[in-house]
C-alpha atoms as a PDB file:
ATOM      1  CA  MET A   1     -45.623 -47.078   6.000  1.00  0.00           C
ATOM      2  CA  VAL A   2     -45.074 -43.597   7.582  1.00  0.00           C
ATOM      3  CA  GLU A   3     -43.443 -41.293   5.222  1.00  0.00           C
ATOM      4  CA  PRO A   4     -40.075 -39.488   6.796  1.00  0.00           C
ATOM      5  CA  VAL A   5     -40.724 -35.518   7.655  1.00  0.00           C
ATOM      6  CA  ASP A   6     -38.525 -33.393   6.026  1.00  0.00           C
ATOM      7  CA  LYS A   7     -37.840 -31.158   8.800  1.00  0.00           C
ATOM      8  CA  ALA A   8     -35.674 -28.680   6.867  1.00  0.00           C
ATOM      9  CA  ALA A   9     -38.165 -27.901   4.559  1.00  0.00           C
ATOM     10  CA  ARG A  10     -40.651 -26.764   7.306  1.00  0.00           C
ATOM     11  CA  PRO A  11     -39.062 -23.744   9.344  1.00  0.00           C
ATOM     12  CA  GLY A  12     -38.387 -23.688  13.049  1.00  0.00           C
ATOM     13  CA  ARG A  13     -40.035 -21.549  15.848  1.00  0.00           C
ATOM     14  CA  ARG A  14     -37.041 -19.734  16.038  1.00  0.00           C
ATOM     15  CA  GLN A  15     -37.125 -19.151  12.406  1.00  0.00           C
ATOM     16  CA  ILE A  16     -40.484 -18.178  11.991  1.00  0.00           C
ATOM     17  CA  GLN A  17     -39.952 -15.790  14.895  1.00  0.00           C
ATOM     18  CA  SER A  18     -36.906 -14.218  13.050  1.00  0.00           C
ATOM     19  CA  MET A  19     -39.538 -13.875   9.811  1.00  0.00           C
ATOM     20  CA  GLN A  20     -41.630 -12.432  11.539  1.00  0.00           C
ATOM     21  CA  THR A  21     -39.171  -9.983  13.530  1.00  0.00           C
ATOM     22  CA  ARG A  22     -37.763  -8.948   9.870  1.00  0.00           C
ATOM     23  CA  GLU A  23     -41.498  -8.249   8.773  1.00  0.00           C
ATOM     24  CA  VAL A  24     -42.205  -5.899  11.253  1.00  0.00           C
ATOM     25  CA  VAL A  25     -38.593  -3.836  10.831  1.00  0.00           C
ATOM     26  CA  VAL A  26     -38.800  -3.695   7.409  1.00  0.00           C
ATOM     27  CA  ALA A  27     -42.343  -2.282   7.279  1.00  0.00           C
ATOM     28  CA  SER A  28     -41.962  -0.183  10.308  1.00  0.00           C
ATOM     29  CA  ALA A  29     -38.458   1.341   8.437  1.00  0.00           C
ATOM     30  CA  GLY A  30     -40.867   1.889   5.061  1.00  0.00           C
ATOM     31  CA  GLU A  31     -43.312   3.757   7.041  1.00  0.00           C
ATOM     32  CA  LEU A  32     -40.688   5.970   8.418  1.00  0.00           C
ATOM     33  CA  PHE A  33     -38.842   6.484   5.301  1.00  0.00           C
ATOM     34  CA  LEU A  34     -41.652   7.539   3.397  1.00  0.00           C
ATOM     35  CA  ALA A  35     -42.874   9.711   6.328  1.00  0.00           C
ATOM     36  CA  ASN A  36     -40.024  11.362   7.176  1.00  0.00           C
ATOM     37  CA  GLY A  37     -37.311  10.861   4.649  1.00  0.00           C
ATOM     38  CA  TYR A  38     -34.298   8.774   4.882  1.00  0.00           C
ATOM     39  CA  VAL A  39     -31.998  11.196   5.970  1.00  0.00           C
ATOM     40  CA  GLY A  40     -34.585  12.149   8.854  1.00  0.00           C
ATOM     41  CA  THR A  41     -35.144   8.541  10.171  1.00  0.00           C
ATOM     42  CA  SER A  42     -32.559   6.814  12.525  1.00  0.00           C
ATOM     43  CA  ILE A  43     -32.162   3.476  13.448  1.00  0.00           C
ATOM     44  CA  GLU A  44     -33.263   4.277  16.709  1.00  0.00           C
ATOM     45  CA  ALA A  45     -36.820   5.543  15.092  1.00  0.00           C
ATOM     46  CA  ILE A  46     -36.964   2.472  13.663  1.00  0.00           C
ATOM     47  CA  ALA A  47     -36.441   0.198  16.003  1.00  0.00           C
ATOM     48  CA  ALA A  48     -38.724   2.391  18.652  1.00  0.00           C
ATOM     49  CA  ARG A  49     -41.629   1.887  15.842  1.00  0.00           C
ATOM     50  CA  ALA A  50     -40.973  -1.869  15.485  1.00  0.00           C
ATOM     51  CA  GLY A  51     -40.516  -2.133  19.310  1.00  0.00           C
ATOM     52  CA  VAL A  52     -37.467  -4.155  18.919  1.00  0.00           C
ATOM     53  CA  ALA A  53     -33.597  -3.217  20.051  1.00  0.00           C
ATOM     54  CA  VAL A  54     -31.475  -1.442  17.907  1.00  0.00           C
ATOM     55  CA  GLN A  55     -29.033  -4.703  17.383  1.00  0.00           C
ATOM     56  CA  THR A  56     -31.708  -6.527  16.445  1.00  0.00           C
ATOM     57  CA  ILE A  57     -32.177  -4.082  13.426  1.00  0.00           C
ATOM     58  CA  TYR A  58     -28.741  -4.873  12.492  1.00  0.00           C
ATOM     59  CA  ASN A  59     -29.235  -8.681  13.192  1.00  0.00           C
ATOM     60  CA  SER A  60     -32.389  -9.231  11.050  1.00  0.00           C
ATOM     61  CA  VAL A  61     -31.401  -7.191   8.183  1.00  0.00           C
ATOM     62  CA  GLY A  62     -28.520  -4.935   8.327  1.00  0.00           C
ATOM     63  CA  ASN A  63     -27.630  -1.167   8.199  1.00  0.00           C
ATOM     64  CA  LYS A  64     -29.995   1.992   7.037  1.00  0.00           C
ATOM     65  CA  PRO A  65     -28.735   1.178   3.091  1.00  0.00           C
ATOM     66  CA  ALA A  66     -29.843  -2.316   3.536  1.00  0.00           C
ATOM     67  CA  LEU A  67     -33.201  -1.496   5.175  1.00  0.00           C
ATOM     68  CA  LEU A  68     -33.528   0.977   2.232  1.00  0.00           C
ATOM     69  CA  SER A  69     -32.922  -2.326  -0.025  1.00  0.00           C
ATOM     70  CA  ALA A  70     -35.333  -4.471   1.879  1.00  0.00           C
ATOM     71  CA  VAL A  71     -38.036  -1.888   1.799  1.00  0.00           C
ATOM     72  CA  LEU A  72     -37.864  -1.648  -1.927  1.00  0.00           C
ATOM     73  CA  ASP A  73     -38.165  -5.165  -1.758  1.00  0.00           C
ATOM     74  CA  ALA A  74     -41.341  -5.694   0.284  1.00  0.00           C
ATOM     75  CA  ALA A  75     -42.822  -2.878  -2.354  1.00  0.00           C
ATOM     76  CA  VAL A  76     -42.180  -4.578  -5.479  1.00  0.00           C
ATOM     77  CA  ALA A  77     -43.061  -7.800  -4.412  1.00  0.00           C
ATOM     78  CA  GLY A  78     -46.294  -7.017  -2.711  1.00  0.00           C
ATOM     79  CA  PRO A  79     -48.717  -9.542  -2.365  1.00  0.00           C
ATOM     80  CA  ASN A  80     -46.300 -12.022  -4.227  1.00  0.00           C
ATOM     81  CA  ALA A  81     -44.160 -12.376  -1.070  1.00  0.00           C
ATOM     82  CA  PRO A  82     -42.050 -14.060   0.043  1.00  0.00           C
ATOM     83  CA  SER A  83     -41.722 -15.168  -4.079  1.00  0.00           C
ATOM     84  CA  THR A  84     -39.272 -12.289  -5.471  1.00  0.00           C
ATOM     85  CA  VAL A  85     -40.033 -10.176  -8.363  1.00  0.00           C
ATOM     86  CA  PRO A  86     -37.139 -12.372 -10.419  1.00  0.00           C
ATOM     87  CA  GLU A  87     -38.833 -15.437  -9.563  1.00  0.00           C
ATOM     88  CA  PHE A  88     -42.513 -14.865 -10.019  1.00  0.00           C
ATOM     89  CA  MET A  89     -41.706 -12.814 -13.054  1.00  0.00           C
ATOM     90  CA  GLN A  90     -39.875 -15.878 -14.633  1.00  0.00           C
ATOM     91  CA  ASP A  91     -43.034 -18.138 -13.876  1.00  0.00           C
ATOM     92  CA  ARG A  92     -45.570 -15.679 -15.564  1.00  0.00           C
ATOM     93  CA  VAL A  93     -43.112 -15.604 -18.635  1.00  0.00           C
ATOM     94  CA  ALA A  94     -43.041 -19.045 -18.911  1.00  0.00           C
ATOM     95  CA  LEU A  95     -46.634 -19.170 -19.322  1.00  0.00           C
ATOM     96  CA  ALA A  96     -46.647 -16.523 -22.072  1.00  0.00           C
ATOM     97  CA  PRO A  97     -47.274 -18.405 -25.788  1.00  0.00           C
ATOM     98  CA  ASP A  98     -45.794 -15.442 -27.934  1.00  0.00           C
ATOM     99  CA  VAL A  99     -44.507 -12.115 -27.921  1.00  0.00           C
ATOM    100  CA  GLU A 100     -47.355 -10.184 -27.624  1.00  0.00           C
ATOM    101  CA  GLY A 101     -47.872 -12.490 -24.506  1.00  0.00           C
ATOM    102  CA  VAL A 102     -44.547 -11.801 -22.878  1.00  0.00           C
ATOM    103  CA  ILE A 103     -45.091  -7.966 -23.439  1.00  0.00           C
ATOM    104  CA  ALA A 104     -48.615  -8.339 -21.760  1.00  0.00           C
ATOM    105  CA  VAL A 105     -46.735  -9.776 -18.848  1.00  0.00           C
ATOM    106  CA  LEU A 106     -44.280  -6.906 -18.732  1.00  0.00           C
ATOM    107  CA  ALA A 107     -47.082  -4.190 -18.981  1.00  0.00           C
ATOM    108  CA  ASP A 108     -49.339  -5.653 -16.293  1.00  0.00           C
ATOM    109  CA  TRP A 109     -46.439  -5.632 -13.883  1.00  0.00           C
ATOM    110  CA  PHE A 110     -45.320  -2.382 -14.493  1.00  0.00           C
ATOM    111  CA  ALA A 111     -49.096  -1.370 -13.672  1.00  0.00           C
ATOM    112  CA  GLU A 112     -49.301  -3.758 -10.761  1.00  0.00           C
ATOM    113  CA  GLY A 113     -45.850  -2.643  -9.150  1.00  0.00           C
ATOM    114  CA  MET A 114     -45.319   0.572  -9.958  1.00  0.00           C
ATOM    115  CA  PRO A 115     -48.039   2.264  -7.697  1.00  0.00           C
ATOM    116  CA  ARG A 116     -46.767  -0.039  -4.657  1.00  0.00           C
ATOM    117  CA  SER A 117     -43.069   1.099  -4.994  1.00  0.00           C
ATOM    118  CA  GLN A 118     -42.923   4.343  -7.107  1.00  0.00           C
ATOM    119  CA  ALA A 119     -42.764   6.234  -3.655  1.00  0.00           C
ATOM    120  CA  VAL A 120     -39.799   4.051  -2.394  1.00  0.00           C
ATOM    121  CA  PHE A 121     -37.856   4.797  -5.703  1.00  0.00           C
ATOM    122  CA  THR A 122     -38.271   8.715  -5.286  1.00  0.00           C
ATOM    123  CA  ALA A 123     -36.964   7.900  -1.388  1.00  0.00           C
ATOM    124  CA  ILE A 124     -33.778   6.637  -2.814  1.00  0.00           C
ATOM    125  CA  SER A 125     -33.591   8.851  -5.481  1.00  0.00           C
ATOM    126  CA  GLN A 126     -33.388  11.553  -3.019  1.00  0.00           C
ATOM    127  CA  ALA A 127     -31.088   9.995  -0.020  1.00  0.00           C
ATOM    128  CA  ALA A 128     -28.587   9.166  -3.256  1.00  0.00           C
ATOM    129  CA  ALA A 129     -27.695  13.008  -3.663  1.00  0.00           C
ATOM    130  CA  VAL A 130     -26.818  12.967   0.278  1.00  0.00           C
ATOM    131  CA  ASP A 131     -25.562   9.344   1.067  1.00  0.00           C
ATOM    132  CA  PRO A 132     -23.010   7.419  -1.353  1.00  0.00           C
ATOM    133  CA  ALA A 133     -23.780   3.972   0.279  1.00  0.00           C
ATOM    134  CA  VAL A 134     -27.754   4.748  -1.400  1.00  0.00           C
ATOM    135  CA  ALA A 135     -26.096   6.150  -4.498  1.00  0.00           C
ATOM    136  CA  LYS A 136     -24.623   2.390  -4.858  1.00  0.00           C
ATOM    137  CA  LEU A 137     -27.775   0.852  -4.292  1.00  0.00           C
ATOM    138  CA  ARG A 138     -29.673   2.778  -6.569  1.00  0.00           C
ATOM    139  CA  ASP A 139     -26.962   2.137  -9.475  1.00  0.00           C
ATOM    140  CA  GLU A 140     -26.959  -1.890  -8.217  1.00  0.00           C
ATOM    141  CA  ARG A 141     -30.438  -2.057  -8.360  1.00  0.00           C
ATOM    142  CA  ALA A 142     -31.103  -0.495 -11.699  1.00  0.00           C
ATOM    143  CA  GLN A 143     -28.222  -2.798 -13.049  1.00  0.00           C
ATOM    144  CA  GLN A 144     -30.558  -5.546 -11.814  1.00  0.00           C
ATOM    145  CA  ARG A 145     -33.219  -4.453 -13.352  1.00  0.00           C
ATOM    146  CA  LEU A 146     -31.717  -3.811 -16.805  1.00  0.00           C
ATOM    147  CA  ALA A 147     -30.393  -7.776 -16.179  1.00  0.00           C
ATOM    148  CA  HIS A 148     -33.762  -9.178 -15.786  1.00  0.00           C
ATOM    149  CA  TYR A 149     -35.043  -7.240 -18.719  1.00  0.00           C
ATOM    150  CA  ARG A 150     -32.474  -8.905 -20.999  1.00  0.00           C
ATOM    151  CA  LEU A 151     -33.950 -12.168 -19.752  1.00  0.00           C
ATOM    152  CA  ALA A 152     -37.205 -10.985 -20.500  1.00  0.00           C
ATOM    153  CA  ALA A 153     -35.633  -9.837 -24.211  1.00  0.00           C
ATOM    154  CA  ALA A 154     -34.605 -13.010 -24.798  1.00  0.00           C
ATOM    155  CA  ALA A 155     -37.785 -14.349 -24.285  1.00  0.00           C
ATOM    156  CA  ILE A 156     -39.251 -12.288 -26.925  1.00  0.00           C
ATOM    157  CA  ARG A 157     -36.462 -13.336 -29.249  1.00  0.00           C
ATOM    158  CA  GLN A 158     -37.413 -16.784 -28.498  1.00  0.00           C
ATOM    159  CA  ARG A 159     -41.023 -16.042 -29.814  1.00  0.00           C
ATOM    160  CA  GLY A 160     -40.089 -14.778 -32.652  1.00  0.00           C
ATOM    161  CA  GLY A 161     -39.746 -11.188 -31.879  1.00  0.00           C
ATOM    162  CA  LEU A 162     -36.744  -8.709 -32.429  1.00  0.00           C
ATOM    163  CA  ALA A 163     -37.380  -9.225 -36.084  1.00  0.00           C
ATOM    164  CA  ASN A 164     -35.930  -5.765 -36.860  1.00  0.00           C
ATOM    165  CA  GLY A 165     -32.535  -6.754 -35.823  1.00  0.00           C
ATOM    166  CA  MET A 166     -32.430  -5.072 -32.275  1.00  0.00           C
ATOM    167  CA  SER A 167     -30.027  -6.782 -29.572  1.00  0.00           C
ATOM    168  CA  ASP A 168     -31.060  -8.174 -26.606  1.00  0.00           C
ATOM    169  CA  ASP A 169     -29.017  -5.279 -24.836  1.00  0.00           C
ATOM    170  CA  ASP A 170     -31.091  -2.732 -26.666  1.00  0.00           C
ATOM    171  CA  ALA A 171     -34.164  -4.483 -26.017  1.00  0.00           C
ATOM    172  CA  ALA A 172     -33.710  -4.391 -22.502  1.00  0.00           C
ATOM    173  CA  ALA A 173     -32.451  -0.802 -22.833  1.00  0.00           C
ATOM    174  CA  ALA A 174     -36.340  -0.030 -24.483  1.00  0.00           C
ATOM    175  CA  ILE A 175     -38.014  -1.810 -21.300  1.00  0.00           C
ATOM    176  CA  PHE A 176     -35.859  -0.144 -18.809  1.00  0.00           C
ATOM    177  CA  THR A 177     -36.845   3.296 -20.266  1.00  0.00           C
ATOM    178  CA  LEU A 178     -40.410   2.560 -20.597  1.00  0.00           C
ATOM    179  CA  GLY A 179     -40.912   1.114 -17.387  1.00  0.00           C
ATOM    180  CA  HIS A 180     -38.407   3.236 -15.172  1.00  0.00           C
ATOM    181  CA  PRO A 181     -39.967   4.685 -11.915  1.00  0.00           C
ATOM    182  CA  ASP A 182     -39.470   8.182 -13.012  1.00  0.00           C
ATOM    183  CA  SER A 183     -41.702   7.489 -16.323  1.00  0.00           C
ATOM    184  CA  TYR A 184     -44.314   6.631 -14.007  1.00  0.00           C
ATOM    185  CA  ALA A 185     -44.052   9.335 -11.683  1.00  0.00           C
ATOM    186  CA  THR A 186     -44.278  11.946 -14.607  1.00  0.00           C
ATOM    187  CA  LEU A 187     -47.248  10.560 -16.441  1.00  0.00           C
ATOM    188  CA  VAL A 188     -49.201   8.885 -13.333  1.00  0.00           C
ATOM    189  CA  ALA A 189     -48.391  11.155 -10.511  1.00  0.00           C
ATOM    190  CA  GLN A 190     -47.722  14.382 -12.440  1.00  0.00           C
ATOM    191  CA  PHE A 191     -49.776  14.206 -15.524  1.00  0.00           C
ATOM    192  CA  GLY A 192     -52.696  12.508 -13.730  1.00  0.00           C
ATOM    193  CA  TRP A 193     -52.683   9.572 -16.141  1.00  0.00           C
ATOM    194  CA  SER A 194     -55.065   6.369 -15.104  1.00  0.00           C
ATOM    195  CA  LEU A 195     -52.828   3.076 -14.254  1.00  0.00           C
ATOM    196  CA  ALA A 196     -55.357   1.696 -17.233  1.00  0.00           C
ATOM    197  CA  ARG A 197     -53.887   4.316 -19.800  1.00  0.00           C
ATOM    198  CA  TYR A 198     -50.320   3.992 -18.368  1.00  0.00           C
ATOM    199  CA  ARG A 199     -50.181   0.138 -18.843  1.00  0.00           C
ATOM    200  CA  ASP A 200     -51.710   0.430 -22.356  1.00  0.00           C
ATOM    201  CA  TRP A 201     -49.184   3.058 -23.087  1.00  0.00           C
ATOM    202  CA  ILE A 202     -46.227   0.602 -21.793  1.00  0.00           C
ATOM    203  CA  HIS A 203     -48.055  -2.091 -23.717  1.00  0.00           C
ATOM    204  CA  THR A 204     -48.504  -0.180 -27.154  1.00  0.00           C
ATOM    205  CA  SER A 205     -45.265   1.009 -26.742  1.00  0.00           C
ATOM    206  CA  LEU A 206     -43.561  -2.237 -26.327  1.00  0.00           C
ATOM    207  CA  LEU A 207     -45.425  -3.902 -29.110  1.00  0.00           C
ATOM    208  CA  GLY A 208     -43.794  -1.515 -31.562  1.00  0.00           C
ATOM    209  CA  ILE A 209     -40.809  -1.405 -30.241  1.00  0.00           C
ATOM    210  CA  LEU A 210     -39.950  -5.418 -29.756  1.00  0.00           C
ATOM    211  CA  SER A 211     -41.834  -7.060 -32.273  1.00  0.00           C
END
């Protein structure tokens, strides 16, 4: 007996082409944002780089702030795409057997994701100073990261951590602060720390705070 094919599970040709177009648009936007700055990059320039019409930009991704958000998503996900960061991090945390395991997952993630995304975070910070829409994006994404770190804090508590009475909110704030893009930029880009030293600093600091 031939099993029925679930057509909904397989993207059609048009959907695949749309996904490919979006990837090209986001990659082109990222290249230009990092080379020329957010303000110095126009939708028209992104369209020309991607080889598509301007309207295709709006149809596939959206306006400039939406493009910047998509560029950040692509940078932080990296080779893990199309899985999102919350998706694959949830899977990684679920496999951690104890408090140190969860903290190791977090430290490894910061060392993995920051080299790809720190320049994009810098572009967002610079653009936020002149564009209220990007300032809103910056704040919303920060709140999203904090919410995800609350989930990590809950996972640490479930494994016997936070024995010092720290709340999940305070634990999330500690993770947020230690893993902030500005901390990476200062320690690695400015002070010249190696990635290994940065990762070990995150790991040791979180162990001291959250165990």
